[in-house]
C-alpha atoms as a PDB file:
ATOM      1  CA  MET A   1       5.597  26.278  -3.129  1.00  0.00           C
ATOM      2  CA  SER A   2       7.211  25.756  -6.388  1.00  0.00           C
ATOM      3  CA  PRO A   3      10.438  27.113  -7.729  1.00  0.00           C
ATOM      4  CA  GLY A   4       8.558  29.434  -9.912  1.00  0.00           C
ATOM      5  CA  ARG A   5       7.240  31.354  -6.912  1.00  0.00           C
ATOM      6  CA  ARG A   6      10.240  32.766  -5.147  1.00  0.00           C
ATOM      7  CA  THR A   7       8.697  35.815  -3.658  1.00  0.00           C
ATOM      8  CA  LEU A   8       9.770  36.124  -0.168  1.00  0.00           C
ATOM      9  CA  VAL A   9       6.748  36.407   2.095  1.00  0.00           C
ATOM     10  CA  ALA A  10       6.867  36.171   5.831  1.00  0.00           C
ATOM     11  CA  VAL A  11       5.082  32.941   6.937  1.00  0.00           C
ATOM     12  CA  ASP A  12       4.858  31.098  10.148  1.00  0.00           C
ATOM     13  CA  ASP A  13       4.791  27.421  11.008  1.00  0.00           C
ATOM     14  CA  LYS A  14       0.996  27.461  11.364  1.00  0.00           C
ATOM     15  CA  GLN A  15       0.578  28.849   7.745  1.00  0.00           C
ATOM     16  CA  ILE A  16       2.916  26.177   6.436  1.00  0.00           C
ATOM     17  CA  LEU A  17       0.998  23.489   8.297  1.00  0.00           C
ATOM     18  CA  ALA A  18      -2.273  24.833   7.004  1.00  0.00           C
ATOM     19  CA  ARG A  19      -0.949  24.599   3.468  1.00  0.00           C
ATOM     20  CA  VAL A  20       0.200  20.954   4.139  1.00  0.00           C
ATOM     21  CA  HIS A  21      -3.323  20.158   5.373  1.00  0.00           C
ATOM     22  CA  GLU A  22      -4.852  21.612   2.161  1.00  0.00           C
ATOM     23  CA  LEU A  23      -2.456  19.747  -0.082  1.00  0.00           C
ATOM     24  CA  VAL A  24      -2.995  16.363   1.813  1.00  0.00           C
ATOM     25  CA  ALA A  25      -6.737  16.817   1.600  1.00  0.00           C
ATOM     26  CA  GLU A  26      -6.524  17.409  -2.147  1.00  0.00           C
ATOM     27  CA  GLU A  27      -4.205  14.341  -2.541  1.00  0.00           C
ATOM     28  CA  HIS A  28      -6.781  12.167  -0.539  1.00  0.00           C
ATOM     29  CA  ARG A  29      -9.602  13.456  -2.787  1.00  0.00           C
ATOM     30  CA  LEU A  30      -7.669  12.452  -5.885  1.00  0.00           C
ATOM     31  CA  ARG A  31      -6.672   9.040  -4.481  1.00  0.00           C
ATOM     32  CA  GLU A  32     -10.247   8.260  -3.281  1.00  0.00           C
ATOM     33  CA  GLY A  33     -11.842   8.962  -6.653  1.00  0.00           C
ATOM     34  CA  GLY A  34     -12.798   5.328  -6.956  1.00  0.00           C
ATOM     35  CA  THR A  35     -11.590   4.778 -10.541  1.00  0.00           C
ATOM     36  CA  GLY A  36      -8.185   4.969 -12.020  1.00  0.00           C
ATOM     37  CA  LEU A  37      -6.542   8.421 -12.129  1.00  0.00           C
ATOM     38  CA  SER A  38      -6.611  10.319 -15.446  1.00  0.00           C
ATOM     39  CA  ALA A  39      -3.248  11.598 -16.893  1.00  0.00           C
ATOM     40  CA  GLU A  40      -4.250  15.100 -15.693  1.00  0.00           C
ATOM     41  CA  ASP A  41      -4.948  13.706 -12.154  1.00  0.00           C
ATOM     42  CA  ARG A  42      -1.619  11.807 -12.093  1.00  0.00           C
ATOM     43  CA  GLU A  43       0.228  15.010 -13.118  1.00  0.00           C
ATOM     44  CA  ARG A  44      -1.624  16.976 -10.406  1.00  0.00           C
ATOM     45  CA  LEU A  45      -0.879  14.230  -7.875  1.00  0.00           C
ATOM     46  CA  GLY A  46       2.829  14.519  -8.746  1.00  0.00           C
ATOM     47  CA  LYS A  47       2.789  18.202  -8.269  1.00  0.00           C
ATOM     48  CA  LEU A  48       0.987  17.850  -4.889  1.00  0.00           C
ATOM     49  CA  GLU A  49       3.681  15.483  -3.732  1.00  0.00           C
ATOM     50  CA  ARG A  50       6.454  17.819  -4.828  1.00  0.00           C
ATOM     51  CA  ASP A  51       4.752  20.772  -3.076  1.00  0.00           C
ATOM     52  CA  LEU A  52       4.359  18.743   0.015  1.00  0.00           C
ATOM     53  CA  ASP A  53       8.007  17.782   0.119  1.00  0.00           C
ATOM     54  CA  GLN A  54       8.821  21.478  -0.252  1.00  0.00           C
ATOM     55  CA  CYS A  55       6.480  22.578   2.582  1.00  0.00           C
ATOM     56  CA  TRP A  56       7.877  19.867   4.954  1.00  0.00           C
ATOM     57  CA  ASP A  57      11.454  20.866   3.966  1.00  0.00           C
ATOM     58  CA  VAL A  58      10.813  24.555   4.839  1.00  0.00           C
ATOM     59  CA  LEU A  59       9.091  23.547   8.101  1.00  0.00           C
ATOM     60  CA  ARG A  60      12.122  21.414   9.070  1.00  0.00           C
ATOM     61  CA  GLN A  61      14.512  24.395   8.190  1.00  0.00           C
ATOM     62  CA  ARG A  62      12.454  26.742  10.297  1.00  0.00           C
ATOM     63  CA  ARG A  63      12.427  24.397  13.290  1.00  0.00           C
ATOM     64  CA  ALA A  64      16.152  23.664  13.085  1.00  0.00           C
ATOM     65  CA  ARG A  65      16.978  27.381  12.760  1.00  0.00           C
ATOM     66  CA  ARG A  66      14.734  28.148  15.746  1.00  0.00           C
ATOM     67  CA  GLU A  67      16.399  25.318  17.765  1.00  0.00           C
ATOM     68  CA  PHE A  68      19.912  26.695  17.086  1.00  0.00           C
ATOM     69  CA  GLY A  69      18.978  30.315  17.857  1.00  0.00           C
ATOM     70  CA  GLU A  70      18.768  31.468  14.220  1.00  0.00           C
ATOM     71  CA  ASN A  71      16.046  33.342  12.521  1.00  0.00           C
ATOM     72  CA  PRO A  72      13.404  30.864  11.135  1.00  0.00           C
ATOM     73  CA  ASP A  73      12.298  33.477   8.565  1.00  0.00           C
ATOM     74  CA  ASP A  74      15.604  32.918   6.825  1.00  0.00           C
ATOM     75  CA  ALA A  75      14.387  29.393   5.707  1.00  0.00           C
ATOM     76  CA  ARG A  76      13.992  29.211   1.931  1.00  0.00           C
ATOM     77  CA  VAL A  77      12.010  26.966  -0.444  1.00  0.00           C
ATOM     78  CA  ARG A  78      14.439  24.704  -2.210  1.00  0.00           C
ATOM     79  CA  PRO A  79      13.897  23.302  -5.709  1.00  0.00           C
ATOM     80  CA  SER A  80      11.678  20.267  -5.706  1.00  0.00           C
ATOM     81  CA  GLY A  81      14.434  18.147  -7.250  1.00  0.00           C
ATOM     82  CA  GLU A  82      16.581  18.849  -4.206  1.00  0.00           C
ATOM     83  CA  VAL A  83      13.942  17.856  -1.615  1.00  0.00           C
ATOM     84  CA  GLU A  84      12.127  15.000  -3.408  1.00  0.00           C
ATOM     85  CA  GLY A  85      14.697  12.356  -2.310  1.00  0.00           C
ATOM     86  CA  TYR A  86      14.863  13.316   1.400  1.00  0.00           C
ATOM     87  CA  VAL A  87      13.927  10.505   3.763  1.00  0.00           C
ATOM     88  CA  GLN A  88      11.296  11.675   6.230  1.00  0.00           C
END
């Protein structure tokens, strides 16, 4: 979920959580490599972390909208720079 991909596609919470699990699994594979991370791996890890932040943000938006009687499908992916600093 990067800012470059702004196509609106209907997704549900299960799909978002499945994507989170995929990203976390890849993150773990990178971190458990046994040796130091290459520059390419560090770059990929940073992208994974930003994508995870965006996924969690959309999921929180969807849950909040649902809780307050709004349409969860109106949740939008926000730029990674906006969601990176959020405390979880």
